[in-house]
Amino acid sequence: MTDSLERGVPMSEKVLVFTEQKDGVLRNVSFECLTAARRIASGGKVAAVIFGAGEDGQVKKLASFGADQVYVLADDQLAHYTPDAYKQAMLQVVEHFAPDAILLGHTGTGKDIAPRVAQRLNIGLISDCTAIDVEKDTVLLTRPVYAGKAFEQKMFYGSRQFITLRPNNIRTKEDPRSGQIIPFPVAIRDVRTVVKEVVRRAASGIDLTEAKVVVSGGRGVQNAEGFKPLQELADVLGGAVGASRAACDAGYCDYALQIGQTGKVVTPDLYIACGISGAIQHLAGMSQSKIIVAINKDPEAPIFQIADYGVVGDLFDVVPKLTAEFKNVISGK
C-alpha cells in the first residue's frame, strides 16, 4: 500500500470549486466541497465559482467557508443550467485559474456536466466520493460500489484531479473571513439548448438530497393520501419526504421524490422508512444514512436488516404517534 501511495498525485496547491444554487440559494454541498478543497489544498489557494449574478450575501458566504477568491460569472445564459453554456464557462475558468484539483457536488447537475468537462480537459474523474483523506501528502478518495454494499479507495495518478462529492458526507464549519470577489466575463457561443421556463412538479421545500431528515413512504402508504401523515412528521422534524419506486409507479407521488438506484441518493442523519419493504434497488439510494428507522407491518421485511431501529406495526398508527411525541419533545412538554 505504501508503494502505491508514493506514486499517487500529491496534495494540490490550487483547488477550484464549482458551486451550485437552487432558487438563488447556494446548496449545502457547495460548502462541503469548499471544506474538502481546503483539506486538499493544505494551505494553498482555494477559489470558488458561482454561476449567474448571485446575491452579495451568497457570494460572501463562499469566502466564510474557505474560498480565497470567488469568481462571479454574471452571464444571463448561466442563470439556468444548460450543458453547453456551463461547459464553456467552466473551461474558461479552468484555463484562467489553472487548478491542480477541481471539485463539485455529485448532484443532477454535477453528474451531467463533470464527465463533459473531464473529457474536454482529458483528465480523470473520480465521482460520488463520500470521504476525502490525506495520507503521506496523497489524497485518498472513498466512494461506494455495488449499490453501496462496499467501498473502494481511489487516488489520481495524472497531473490534475477532478472530484464530485456526494451531498451530506463532509462536515462543514463556517469561519468568518473575507475573500477576493472577482467578476469574470465569459464568452458563451453556439448554445443548442435554452431554458425558457422551469416548472416544478414536486412540492417546494427542503432539497431531498440535502435534507438532514428524510421520511419515506412505500407501497404501504396505499394511496396519495397516505403521504399526508409522513409529510406532517417531516414538517415537525424539519425534513423532506421521499418515496420508493413502488410508490411512484403506483401513482401515489411524483417521481421527483423517488429514492433508490434509479432515483435520488440520500445520506441524511435520520431516515425513516414507512411501509417500505427494502428492495435492494431502494437500499442503494439510502443505505448510507446515519440512522435508519423502519416501520413495517411485516416483521420479515428486508428493510429491518439494515435498520438501526425497527417498529413492527401499521404506519398509520405509528407515524401519527411519533409526530405527536416529537412535537411534545420539541415544545419541551
C-alpha atoms as a PDB file:
ATOM      1  CA  MET A   1       0.000   0.000   0.000  1.00  0.00           C
ATOM      2  CA  THR A   2       2.844   2.410   0.843  1.00  0.00           C
ATOM      3  CA  ASP A   3       4.487   1.990  -2.560  1.00  0.00           C
ATOM      4  CA  SER A   4       1.248   2.757  -4.399  1.00  0.00           C
ATOM      5  CA  LEU A   5       0.627   5.808  -2.209  1.00  0.00           C
ATOM      6  CA  GLU A   6       4.047   7.186  -3.053  1.00  0.00           C
ATOM      7  CA  ARG A   7       3.138   7.022  -6.730  1.00  0.00           C
ATOM      8  CA  GLY A   8      -0.099   8.967  -6.220  1.00  0.00           C
ATOM      9  CA  VAL A   9      -0.678  12.627  -7.013  1.00  0.00           C
ATOM     10  CA  PRO A  10       0.318  14.865  -4.068  1.00  0.00           C
ATOM     11  CA  MET A  11      -1.990  17.364  -2.444  1.00  0.00           C
ATOM     12  CA  SER A  12      -2.823  20.380  -4.573  1.00  0.00           C
ATOM     13  CA  GLU A  13      -1.693  23.983  -4.272  1.00  0.00           C
ATOM     14  CA  LYS A  14      -4.625  25.410  -6.245  1.00  0.00           C
ATOM     15  CA  VAL A  15      -8.149  23.999  -5.935  1.00  0.00           C
ATOM     16  CA  LEU A  16     -11.212  25.189  -7.850  1.00  0.00           C
ATOM     17  CA  VAL A  17     -14.775  24.593  -6.630  1.00  0.00           C
ATOM     18  CA  PHE A  18     -17.789  24.981  -8.903  1.00  0.00           C
ATOM     19  CA  THR A  19     -20.761  25.857  -6.721  1.00  0.00           C
ATOM     20  CA  GLU A  20     -24.443  25.270  -7.341  1.00  0.00           C
ATOM     21  CA  GLN A  21     -27.515  27.318  -6.481  1.00  0.00           C
ATOM     22  CA  LYS A  22     -31.170  26.462  -6.148  1.00  0.00           C
ATOM     23  CA  ASP A  23     -33.688  29.302  -6.283  1.00  0.00           C
ATOM     24  CA  GLY A  24     -30.881  31.785  -5.699  1.00  0.00           C
ATOM     25  CA  VAL A  25     -29.543  29.992  -2.612  1.00  0.00           C
ATOM     26  CA  LEU A  26     -26.280  28.078  -2.564  1.00  0.00           C
ATOM     27  CA  ARG A  27     -26.723  24.369  -1.984  1.00  0.00           C
ATOM     28  CA  ASN A  28     -25.051  22.964   1.106  1.00  0.00           C
ATOM     29  CA  VAL A  29     -22.943  20.577  -0.978  1.00  0.00           C
ATOM     30  CA  SER A  30     -21.098  23.641  -2.313  1.00  0.00           C
ATOM     31  CA  PHE A  31     -19.882  24.404   1.208  1.00  0.00           C
ATOM     32  CA  GLU A  32     -18.937  20.755   1.666  1.00  0.00           C
ATOM     33  CA  CYS A  33     -16.831  20.995  -1.484  1.00  0.00           C
ATOM     34  CA  LEU A  34     -15.100  24.095  -0.114  1.00  0.00           C
ATOM     35  CA  THR A  35     -14.339  22.279   3.143  1.00  0.00           C
ATOM     36  CA  ALA A  36     -12.871  19.391   1.157  1.00  0.00           C
ATOM     37  CA  ALA A  37     -10.949  21.822  -1.040  1.00  0.00           C
ATOM     38  CA  ARG A  38      -9.260  23.408   1.980  1.00  0.00           C
ATOM     39  CA  ARG A  39      -8.234  19.940   3.138  1.00  0.00           C
ATOM     40  CA  ILE A  40      -6.784  19.084  -0.272  1.00  0.00           C
ATOM     41  CA  ALA A  41      -5.069  22.451  -0.705  1.00  0.00           C
ATOM     42  CA  SER A  42      -3.423  22.243   2.732  1.00  0.00           C
ATOM     43  CA  GLY A  43      -2.560  25.910   2.882  1.00  0.00           C
ATOM     44  CA  GLY A  44      -2.747  26.544  -0.854  1.00  0.00           C
ATOM     45  CA  LYS A  45      -5.234  28.703  -2.720  1.00  0.00           C
ATOM     46  CA  VAL A  46      -8.929  27.805  -2.993  1.00  0.00           C
ATOM     47  CA  ALA A  47     -11.210  29.525  -5.498  1.00  0.00           C
ATOM     48  CA  ALA A  48     -14.970  29.177  -5.905  1.00  0.00           C
ATOM     49  CA  VAL A  49     -17.111  29.813  -8.953  1.00  0.00           C
ATOM     50  CA  ILE A  50     -20.711  30.997  -8.776  1.00  0.00           C
ATOM     51  CA  PHE A  51     -22.882  30.889 -11.886  1.00  0.00           C
ATOM     52  CA  GLY A  52     -25.147  33.869 -12.535  1.00  0.00           C
ATOM     53  CA  ALA A  53     -25.013  37.192 -10.734  1.00  0.00           C
ATOM     54  CA  GLY A  54     -25.531  35.732  -7.242  1.00  0.00           C
ATOM     55  CA  GLU A  55     -26.693  37.694  -4.215  1.00  0.00           C
ATOM     56  CA  ASP A  56     -23.947  39.569  -2.368  1.00  0.00           C
ATOM     57  CA  GLY A  57     -24.668  37.598   0.805  1.00  0.00           C
ATOM     58  CA  GLN A  58     -24.328  34.299  -1.018  1.00  0.00           C
ATOM     59  CA  VAL A  59     -21.089  35.323  -2.697  1.00  0.00           C
ATOM     60  CA  LYS A  60     -19.559  36.492   0.587  1.00  0.00           C
ATOM     61  CA  LYS A  61     -20.680  33.291   2.293  1.00  0.00           C
ATOM     62  CA  LEU A  62     -18.409  31.303  -0.003  1.00  0.00           C
ATOM     63  CA  ALA A  63     -15.429  33.134   1.467  1.00  0.00           C
ATOM     64  CA  SER A  64     -16.511  32.312   5.006  1.00  0.00           C
ATOM     65  CA  PHE A  65     -16.491  28.607   4.117  1.00  0.00           C
ATOM     66  CA  GLY A  66     -12.998  28.657   2.655  1.00  0.00           C
ATOM     67  CA  ALA A  67     -12.786  30.463  -0.694  1.00  0.00           C
ATOM     68  CA  ASP A  68      -9.811  32.808  -1.076  1.00  0.00           C
ATOM     69  CA  GLN A  69     -11.253  34.012  -4.355  1.00  0.00           C
ATOM     70  CA  VAL A  70     -14.805  33.938  -5.727  1.00  0.00           C
ATOM     71  CA  TYR A  71     -15.282  34.151  -9.482  1.00  0.00           C
ATOM     72  CA  VAL A  72     -18.699  35.594 -10.310  1.00  0.00           C
ATOM     73  CA  LEU A  73     -19.960  34.567 -13.747  1.00  0.00           C
ATOM     74  CA  ALA A  74     -22.768  37.107 -14.196  1.00  0.00           C
ATOM     75  CA  ASP A  75     -24.000  35.989 -17.596  1.00  0.00           C
ATOM     76  CA  ASP A  76     -27.717  35.656 -18.355  1.00  0.00           C
ATOM     77  CA  GLN A  77     -27.037  32.399 -20.210  1.00  0.00           C
ATOM     78  CA  LEU A  78     -25.847  30.872 -16.935  1.00  0.00           C
ATOM     79  CA  ALA A  79     -28.967  31.729 -14.929  1.00  0.00           C
ATOM     80  CA  HIS A  80     -30.273  28.197 -15.572  1.00  0.00           C
ATOM     81  CA  TYR A  81     -28.200  25.092 -16.157  1.00  0.00           C
ATOM     82  CA  THR A  82     -27.582  24.031 -19.733  1.00  0.00           C
ATOM     83  CA  PRO A  83     -24.687  21.707 -20.565  1.00  0.00           C
ATOM     84  CA  ASP A  84     -23.404  23.796 -23.490  1.00  0.00           C
ATOM     85  CA  ALA A  85     -23.230  27.076 -21.589  1.00  0.00           C
ATOM     86  CA  TYR A  86     -21.879  25.625 -18.349  1.00  0.00           C
ATOM     87  CA  LYS A  87     -19.210  23.582 -20.097  1.00  0.00           C
ATOM     88  CA  GLN A  88     -17.914  26.608 -21.980  1.00  0.00           C
ATOM     89  CA  ALA A  89     -17.895  28.746 -18.845  1.00  0.00           C
ATOM     90  CA  MET A  90     -16.175  26.091 -16.730  1.00  0.00           C
ATOM     91  CA  LEU A  91     -13.454  25.506 -19.305  1.00  0.00           C
ATOM     92  CA  GLN A  92     -12.708  29.226 -19.463  1.00  0.00           C
ATOM     93  CA  VAL A  93     -12.353  29.487 -15.685  1.00  0.00           C
ATOM     94  CA  VAL A  94     -10.154  26.384 -15.571  1.00  0.00           C
ATOM     95  CA  GLU A  95      -7.904  27.811 -18.276  1.00  0.00           C
ATOM     96  CA  HIS A  96      -7.581  31.084 -16.355  1.00  0.00           C
ATOM     97  CA  PHE A  97      -7.086  29.697 -12.828  1.00  0.00           C
ATOM     98  CA  ALA A  98      -5.101  26.576 -13.845  1.00  0.00           C
ATOM     99  CA  PRO A  99      -6.152  24.476 -10.812  1.00  0.00           C
ATOM    100  CA  ASP A 100      -4.469  21.304  -9.646  1.00  0.00           C
ATOM    101  CA  ALA A 101      -7.834  19.952  -8.481  1.00  0.00           C
ATOM    102  CA  ILE A 102     -11.469  20.614  -9.368  1.00  0.00           C
ATOM    103  CA  LEU A 103     -14.460  19.813  -7.136  1.00  0.00           C
ATOM    104  CA  LEU A 104     -18.224  19.991  -7.483  1.00  0.00           C
ATOM    105  CA  GLY A 105     -21.251  18.313  -5.977  1.00  0.00           C
ATOM    106  CA  HIS A 106     -22.455  14.898  -7.138  1.00  0.00           C
ATOM    107  CA  THR A 107     -25.904  16.301  -7.892  1.00  0.00           C
ATOM    108  CA  GLY A 108     -28.055  16.055 -11.005  1.00  0.00           C
ATOM    109  CA  THR A 109     -26.113  18.949 -12.495  1.00  0.00           C
ATOM    110  CA  GLY A 110     -22.741  17.672 -11.317  1.00  0.00           C
ATOM    111  CA  LYS A 111     -23.322  14.184 -12.682  1.00  0.00           C
ATOM    112  CA  ASP A 112     -24.242  15.659 -16.071  1.00  0.00           C
ATOM    113  CA  ILE A 113     -21.521  18.274 -16.508  1.00  0.00           C
ATOM    114  CA  ALA A 114     -18.479  16.693 -14.817  1.00  0.00           C
ATOM    115  CA  PRO A 115     -17.841  13.960 -17.438  1.00  0.00           C
ATOM    116  CA  ARG A 116     -18.229  16.501 -20.255  1.00  0.00           C
ATOM    117  CA  VAL A 117     -15.625  18.835 -18.776  1.00  0.00           C
ATOM    118  CA  ALA A 118     -13.287  15.997 -17.762  1.00  0.00           C
ATOM    119  CA  GLN A 119     -13.363  14.619 -21.296  1.00  0.00           C
ATOM    120  CA  ARG A 120     -12.648  18.023 -22.784  1.00  0.00           C
ATOM    121  CA  LEU A 121      -9.732  18.549 -20.384  1.00  0.00           C
ATOM    122  CA  ASN A 122      -8.564  14.967 -20.989  1.00  0.00           C
ATOM    123  CA  ILE A 123      -8.273  14.255 -17.262  1.00  0.00           C
ATOM    124  CA  GLY A 124      -9.545  11.524 -14.962  1.00  0.00           C
ATOM    125  CA  LEU A 125     -12.698  11.861 -12.873  1.00  0.00           C
ATOM    126  CA  ILE A 126     -13.478  10.178  -9.549  1.00  0.00           C
ATOM    127  CA  SER A 127     -17.167  10.657  -8.841  1.00  0.00           C
ATOM    128  CA  ASP A 128     -19.631  10.185  -5.986  1.00  0.00           C
ATOM    129  CA  CYS A 129     -16.993  10.428  -3.256  1.00  0.00           C
ATOM    130  CA  THR A 130     -18.160  10.163   0.347  1.00  0.00           C
ATOM    131  CA  ALA A 131     -14.872  10.826   2.139  1.00  0.00           C
ATOM    132  CA  ILE A 132     -11.545  12.526   1.500  1.00  0.00           C
ATOM    133  CA  ASP A 133      -8.431  11.563   3.459  1.00  0.00           C
ATOM    134  CA  VAL A 134      -4.845  12.642   3.226  1.00  0.00           C
ATOM    135  CA  GLU A 135      -2.106  10.091   3.814  1.00  0.00           C
ATOM    136  CA  LYS A 136       1.540  10.942   3.328  1.00  0.00           C
ATOM    137  CA  ASP A 137       0.530  14.040   1.355  1.00  0.00           C
ATOM    138  CA  THR A 138      -1.539  11.907  -1.025  1.00  0.00           C
ATOM    139  CA  VAL A 139      -5.274  12.415  -1.460  1.00  0.00           C
ATOM    140  CA  LEU A 140      -7.325   9.249  -0.931  1.00  0.00           C
ATOM    141  CA  LEU A 141     -10.943   9.257  -2.098  1.00  0.00           C
ATOM    142  CA  THR A 142     -13.597   6.865  -0.809  1.00  0.00           C
ATOM    143  CA  ARG A 143     -16.626   6.005  -2.924  1.00  0.00           C
ATOM    144  CA  PRO A 144     -19.360   3.353  -2.737  1.00  0.00           C
ATOM    145  CA  VAL A 145     -19.558   0.454  -5.196  1.00  0.00           C
ATOM    146  CA  TYR A 146     -22.032  -2.366  -5.808  1.00  0.00           C
ATOM    147  CA  ALA A 147     -25.034  -0.217  -4.888  1.00  0.00           C
ATOM    148  CA  GLY A 148     -23.473   0.815  -1.592  1.00  0.00           C
ATOM    149  CA  LYS A 149     -22.642  -2.693  -0.373  1.00  0.00           C
ATOM    150  CA  ALA A 150     -18.905  -1.992  -0.417  1.00  0.00           C
ATOM    151  CA  PHE A 151     -16.464   0.903  -0.606  1.00  0.00           C
ATOM    152  CA  GLU A 152     -13.280   1.469  -2.553  1.00  0.00           C
ATOM    153  CA  GLN A 153     -10.418   3.918  -2.079  1.00  0.00           C
ATOM    154  CA  LYS A 154      -9.012   5.584  -5.150  1.00  0.00           C
ATOM    155  CA  MET A 155      -6.344   8.104  -5.998  1.00  0.00           C
ATOM    156  CA  PHE A 156      -5.170  10.043  -9.021  1.00  0.00           C
ATOM    157  CA  TYR A 157      -2.006   9.423 -10.976  1.00  0.00           C
ATOM    158  CA  GLY A 158      -2.431  12.226 -13.521  1.00  0.00           C
ATOM    159  CA  SER A 159      -1.409  15.847 -13.143  1.00  0.00           C
ATOM    160  CA  ARG A 160      -4.875  17.169 -12.302  1.00  0.00           C
ATOM    161  CA  GLN A 161      -7.648  15.858 -10.029  1.00  0.00           C
ATOM    162  CA  PHE A 162     -11.379  16.095 -10.788  1.00  0.00           C
ATOM    163  CA  ILE A 163     -13.754  15.056  -7.996  1.00  0.00           C
ATOM    164  CA  THR A 164     -17.509  15.071  -7.375  1.00  0.00           C
ATOM    165  CA  LEU A 165     -18.756  14.786  -3.781  1.00  0.00           C
ATOM    166  CA  ARG A 166     -21.950  13.122  -2.611  1.00  0.00           C
ATOM    167  CA  PRO A 167     -24.002  15.590  -0.506  1.00  0.00           C
ATOM    168  CA  ASN A 168     -24.278  15.265   3.288  1.00  0.00           C
ATOM    169  CA  ASN A 169     -20.992  13.453   3.834  1.00  0.00           C
ATOM    170  CA  ILE A 170     -18.487  16.135   4.821  1.00  0.00           C
ATOM    171  CA  ARG A 171     -18.992  18.228   7.929  1.00  0.00           C
ATOM    172  CA  THR A 172     -18.662  21.946   7.234  1.00  0.00           C
ATOM    173  CA  LYS A 173     -17.532  24.732   9.513  1.00  0.00           C
ATOM    174  CA  GLU A 174     -18.045  28.419   8.862  1.00  0.00           C
ATOM    175  CA  ASP A 175     -15.163  30.705   9.730  1.00  0.00           C
ATOM    176  CA  PRO A 176     -15.807  34.449   9.320  1.00  0.00           C
ATOM    177  CA  ARG A 177     -13.234  35.661   6.816  1.00  0.00           C
ATOM    178  CA  SER A 178     -13.108  37.676   3.642  1.00  0.00           C
ATOM    179  CA  GLY A 179     -12.182  36.666   0.140  1.00  0.00           C
ATOM    180  CA  GLN A 180     -11.488  38.415  -3.122  1.00  0.00           C
ATOM    181  CA  ILE A 181     -14.590  38.750  -5.316  1.00  0.00           C
ATOM    182  CA  ILE A 182     -13.691  38.692  -8.996  1.00  0.00           C
ATOM    183  CA  PRO A 183     -16.221  39.434 -11.776  1.00  0.00           C
ATOM    184  CA  PHE A 184     -15.308  37.017 -14.563  1.00  0.00           C
ATOM    185  CA  PRO A 185     -16.752  37.666 -18.037  1.00  0.00           C
ATOM    186  CA  VAL A 186     -17.200  34.580 -20.186  1.00  0.00           C
ATOM    187  CA  ALA A 187     -17.853  34.128 -23.896  1.00  0.00           C
ATOM    188  CA  ILE A 188     -20.778  31.743 -24.439  1.00  0.00           C
ATOM    189  CA  ARG A 189     -21.440  30.774 -28.060  1.00  0.00           C
ATOM    190  CA  ASP A 190     -23.497  28.270 -30.029  1.00  0.00           C
ATOM    191  CA  VAL A 191     -25.724  27.160 -27.164  1.00  0.00           C
ATOM    192  CA  ARG A 192     -28.014  24.456 -28.525  1.00  0.00           C
ATOM    193  CA  THR A 193     -30.472  24.401 -25.612  1.00  0.00           C
ATOM    194  CA  VAL A 194     -32.158  27.319 -23.873  1.00  0.00           C
ATOM    195  CA  VAL A 195     -34.264  27.135 -20.688  1.00  0.00           C
ATOM    196  CA  LYS A 196     -37.432  29.160 -21.240  1.00  0.00           C
ATOM    197  CA  GLU A 197     -39.280  28.191 -18.074  1.00  0.00           C
ATOM    198  CA  VAL A 198     -38.805  25.981 -15.032  1.00  0.00           C
ATOM    199  CA  VAL A 199     -41.924  24.098 -13.943  1.00  0.00           C
ATOM    200  CA  ARG A 200     -41.649  22.364 -10.594  1.00  0.00           C
ATOM    201  CA  ARG A 201     -43.790  19.258 -10.285  1.00  0.00           C
ATOM    202  CA  ALA A 202     -42.753  18.388  -6.759  1.00  0.00           C
ATOM    203  CA  ALA A 203     -43.731  20.481  -3.785  1.00  0.00           C
ATOM    204  CA  SER A 204     -41.254  23.179  -2.892  1.00  0.00           C
ATOM    205  CA  GLY A 205     -39.290  22.851   0.314  1.00  0.00           C
ATOM    206  CA  ILE A 206     -36.099  21.261   1.572  1.00  0.00           C
ATOM    207  CA  ASP A 207     -33.922  19.694  -1.099  1.00  0.00           C
ATOM    208  CA  LEU A 208     -34.347  15.938  -0.728  1.00  0.00           C
ATOM    209  CA  THR A 209     -30.687  15.156  -1.408  1.00  0.00           C
ATOM    210  CA  GLU A 210     -29.506  17.627   1.242  1.00  0.00           C
ATOM    211  CA  ALA A 211     -32.168  17.080   3.908  1.00  0.00           C
ATOM    212  CA  LYS A 212     -30.881  16.074   7.344  1.00  0.00           C
ATOM    213  CA  VAL A 213     -34.113  14.123   7.946  1.00  0.00           C
ATOM    214  CA  VAL A 214     -35.988  12.118   5.309  1.00  0.00           C
ATOM    215  CA  VAL A 215     -39.349  10.424   5.855  1.00  0.00           C
ATOM    216  CA  SER A 216     -40.070   7.995   3.016  1.00  0.00           C
ATOM    217  CA  GLY A 217     -43.142   6.064   2.026  1.00  0.00           C
ATOM    218  CA  GLY A 218     -43.507   2.869   0.042  1.00  0.00           C
ATOM    219  CA  ARG A 219     -46.370   0.817  -1.292  1.00  0.00           C
ATOM    220  CA  GLY A 220     -47.626   0.541   2.282  1.00  0.00           C
ATOM    221  CA  VAL A 221     -48.954   4.131   2.209  1.00  0.00           C
ATOM    222  CA  GLN A 222     -51.726   2.675  -0.018  1.00  0.00           C
ATOM    223  CA  ASN A 223     -52.560   5.897  -1.900  1.00  0.00           C
ATOM    224  CA  ALA A 224     -51.609   9.553  -2.335  1.00  0.00           C
ATOM    225  CA  GLU A 225     -53.468  10.482   0.851  1.00  0.00           C
ATOM    226  CA  GLY A 226     -51.226   8.082   2.735  1.00  0.00           C
ATOM    227  CA  PHE A 227     -48.326  10.523   2.350  1.00  0.00           C
ATOM    228  CA  LYS A 228     -50.064  13.185   4.459  1.00  0.00           C
ATOM    229  CA  PRO A 229     -49.014  11.764   7.866  1.00  0.00           C
ATOM    230  CA  LEU A 230     -45.480  11.353   6.503  1.00  0.00           C
ATOM    231  CA  GLN A 231     -45.424  14.995   5.429  1.00  0.00           C
ATOM    232  CA  GLU A 232     -46.645  16.056   8.863  1.00  0.00           C
ATOM    233  CA  LEU A 233     -43.835  14.121  10.534  1.00  0.00           C
ATOM    234  CA  ALA A 234     -41.267  15.555   8.115  1.00  0.00           C
ATOM    235  CA  ASP A 235     -42.521  19.088   8.783  1.00  0.00           C
ATOM    236  CA  VAL A 236     -42.171  18.627  12.545  1.00  0.00           C
ATOM    237  CA  LEU A 237     -38.599  17.345  12.138  1.00  0.00           C
ATOM    238  CA  GLY A 238     -37.647  19.940   9.541  1.00  0.00           C
ATOM    239  CA  GLY A 239     -37.098  17.241   6.955  1.00  0.00           C
ATOM    240  CA  ALA A 240     -38.205  16.184   3.488  1.00  0.00           C
ATOM    241  CA  VAL A 241     -40.477  13.452   2.157  1.00  0.00           C
ATOM    242  CA  GLY A 242     -39.203  10.739  -0.157  1.00  0.00           C
ATOM    243  CA  ALA A 243     -40.629   7.592  -1.723  1.00  0.00           C
ATOM    244  CA  SER A 244     -39.744   4.182  -3.059  1.00  0.00           C
ATOM    245  CA  ARG A 245     -40.093   3.406  -6.740  1.00  0.00           C
ATOM    246  CA  ALA A 246     -43.079   1.171  -5.961  1.00  0.00           C
ATOM    247  CA  ALA A 247     -44.960   4.157  -4.524  1.00  0.00           C
ATOM    248  CA  CYS A 248     -44.057   6.284  -7.533  1.00  0.00           C
ATOM    249  CA  ASP A 249     -45.028   3.565 -10.027  1.00  0.00           C
ATOM    250  CA  ALA A 250     -48.369   3.178  -8.253  1.00  0.00           C
ATOM    251  CA  GLY A 251     -49.056   6.871  -8.807  1.00  0.00           C
ATOM    252  CA  TYR A 252     -49.056   7.770  -5.101  1.00  0.00           C
ATOM    253  CA  CYS A 253     -46.495  10.555  -5.607  1.00  0.00           C
ATOM    254  CA  ASP A 254     -44.281  12.279  -8.143  1.00  0.00           C
ATOM    255  CA  TYR A 255     -41.129  10.585  -9.413  1.00  0.00           C
ATOM    256  CA  ALA A 256     -39.168  13.600  -8.171  1.00  0.00           C
ATOM    257  CA  LEU A 257     -39.454  12.014  -4.706  1.00  0.00           C
ATOM    258  CA  GLN A 258     -38.042   8.655  -5.750  1.00  0.00           C
ATOM    259  CA  ILE A 259     -35.080   7.369  -3.744  1.00  0.00           C
ATOM    260  CA  GLY A 260     -33.099   4.405  -4.995  1.00  0.00           C
ATOM    261  CA  GLN A 261     -30.835   3.064  -7.694  1.00  0.00           C
ATOM    262  CA  THR A 262     -32.854   4.773 -10.442  1.00  0.00           C
ATOM    263  CA  GLY A 263     -33.805   7.754  -8.289  1.00  0.00           C
ATOM    264  CA  LYS A 264     -32.043  10.056  -5.854  1.00  0.00           C
ATOM    265  CA  VAL A 265     -29.299   9.011  -3.445  1.00  0.00           C
ATOM    266  CA  VAL A 266     -29.679  10.459   0.052  1.00  0.00           C
ATOM    267  CA  THR A 267     -27.478  10.335   3.144  1.00  0.00           C
ATOM    268  CA  PRO A 268     -29.457  12.116   5.882  1.00  0.00           C
ATOM    269  CA  ASP A 269     -28.742  11.997   9.598  1.00  0.00           C
ATOM    270  CA  LEU A 270     -32.115  10.276  10.069  1.00  0.00           C
ATOM    271  CA  TYR A 271     -34.016   8.183   7.528  1.00  0.00           C
ATOM    272  CA  ILE A 272     -37.498   6.932   8.446  1.00  0.00           C
ATOM    273  CA  ALA A 273     -38.822   4.249   6.081  1.00  0.00           C
ATOM    274  CA  CYS A 274     -42.600   3.849   6.295  1.00  0.00           C
ATOM    275  CA  GLY A 275     -44.240   0.905   4.565  1.00  0.00           C
ATOM    276  CA  ILE A 276     -41.110   0.188   2.526  1.00  0.00           C
ATOM    277  CA  SER A 277     -40.155  -3.471   2.159  1.00  0.00           C
ATOM    278  CA  GLY A 278     -36.494  -2.760   1.438  1.00  0.00           C
ATOM    279  CA  ALA A 279     -35.810  -3.904  -2.120  1.00  0.00           C
ATOM    280  CA  ILE A 280     -32.126  -3.772  -2.999  1.00  0.00           C
ATOM    281  CA  GLN A 281     -32.801  -1.017  -5.556  1.00  0.00           C
ATOM    282  CA  HIS A 282     -34.209   1.207  -2.810  1.00  0.00           C
ATOM    283  CA  LEU A 283     -31.412   0.380  -0.369  1.00  0.00           C
ATOM    284  CA  ALA A 284     -28.899   1.606  -2.950  1.00  0.00           C
ATOM    285  CA  GLY A 285     -30.301   5.097  -2.517  1.00  0.00           C
ATOM    286  CA  MET A 286     -30.441   5.344   1.295  1.00  0.00           C
ATOM    287  CA  SER A 287     -28.353   2.648   2.966  1.00  0.00           C
ATOM    288  CA  GLN A 288     -25.609   5.125   3.902  1.00  0.00           C
ATOM    289  CA  SER A 289     -27.975   7.205   6.074  1.00  0.00           C
ATOM    290  CA  LYS A 290     -26.543   7.850   9.547  1.00  0.00           C
ATOM    291  CA  ILE A 291     -29.571   6.372  11.412  1.00  0.00           C
ATOM    292  CA  ILE A 292     -32.299   4.287   9.770  1.00  0.00           C
ATOM    293  CA  VAL A 293     -35.706   3.703  11.347  1.00  0.00           C
ATOM    294  CA  ALA A 294     -38.030   1.176   9.697  1.00  0.00           C
ATOM    295  CA  ILE A 295     -41.797   0.995  10.211  1.00  0.00           C
ATOM    296  CA  ASN A 296     -43.481  -2.003   8.613  1.00  0.00           C
ATOM    297  CA  LYS A 297     -46.253  -4.484   9.397  1.00  0.00           C
ATOM    298  CA  ASP A 298     -44.164  -7.372   8.078  1.00  0.00           C
ATOM    299  CA  PRO A 299     -41.521  -8.410  10.643  1.00  0.00           C
ATOM    300  CA  GLU A 300     -39.654 -10.259   7.866  1.00  0.00           C
ATOM    301  CA  ALA A 301     -39.315  -7.186   5.633  1.00  0.00           C
ATOM    302  CA  PRO A 302     -35.701  -6.841   4.359  1.00  0.00           C
ATOM    303  CA  ILE A 303     -35.598  -3.193   5.474  1.00  0.00           C
ATOM    304  CA  PHE A 304     -35.227  -4.374   9.085  1.00  0.00           C
ATOM    305  CA  GLN A 305     -31.878  -5.978   8.228  1.00  0.00           C
ATOM    306  CA  ILE A 306     -30.208  -2.596   7.744  1.00  0.00           C
ATOM    307  CA  ALA A 307     -32.339  -0.565  10.171  1.00  0.00           C
ATOM    308  CA  ASP A 308     -30.837   0.753  13.384  1.00  0.00           C
ATOM    309  CA  TYR A 309     -34.326   0.807  14.911  1.00  0.00           C
ATOM    310  CA  GLY A 310     -37.396  -1.114  13.788  1.00  0.00           C
ATOM    311  CA  VAL A 311     -41.076  -0.805  14.593  1.00  0.00           C
ATOM    312  CA  VAL A 312     -43.370  -3.658  13.585  1.00  0.00           C
ATOM    313  CA  GLY A 313     -46.754  -2.062  13.144  1.00  0.00           C
ATOM    314  CA  ASP A 314     -49.160  -0.160  10.920  1.00  0.00           C
ATOM    315  CA  LEU A 315     -47.577   3.102   9.769  1.00  0.00           C
ATOM    316  CA  PHE A 316     -50.970   4.832  10.066  1.00  0.00           C
ATOM    317  CA  ASP A 317     -50.894   4.087  13.794  1.00  0.00           C
ATOM    318  CA  VAL A 318     -47.177   4.550  14.403  1.00  0.00           C
ATOM    319  CA  VAL A 319     -46.393   7.709  12.393  1.00  0.00           C
ATOM    320  CA  PRO A 320     -49.064   9.968  13.997  1.00  0.00           C
ATOM    321  CA  LYS A 321     -47.883   8.849  17.445  1.00  0.00           C
ATOM    322  CA  LEU A 322     -44.283   9.637  16.507  1.00  0.00           C
ATOM    323  CA  THR A 323     -45.355  13.034  15.215  1.00  0.00           C
ATOM    324  CA  ALA A 324     -47.233  13.844  18.435  1.00  0.00           C
ATOM    325  CA  GLU A 325     -44.329  12.710  20.586  1.00  0.00           C
ATOM    326  CA  PHE A 326     -41.782  14.712  18.607  1.00  0.00           C
ATOM    327  CA  LYS A 327     -43.994  17.785  18.931  1.00  0.00           C
ATOM    328  CA  ASN A 328     -44.001  17.321  22.702  1.00  0.00           C
ATOM    329  CA  VAL A 329     -40.237  16.883  22.847  1.00  0.00           C
ATOM    330  CA  ILE A 330     -39.575  19.897  20.642  1.00  0.00           C
ATOM    331  CA  SER A 331     -42.009  22.093  22.580  1.00  0.00           C
ATOM    332  CA  GLY A 332     -40.452  20.955  25.855  1.00  0.00           C
ATOM    333  CA  LYS A 333     -43.598  19.349  27.263  1.00  0.00           C
END
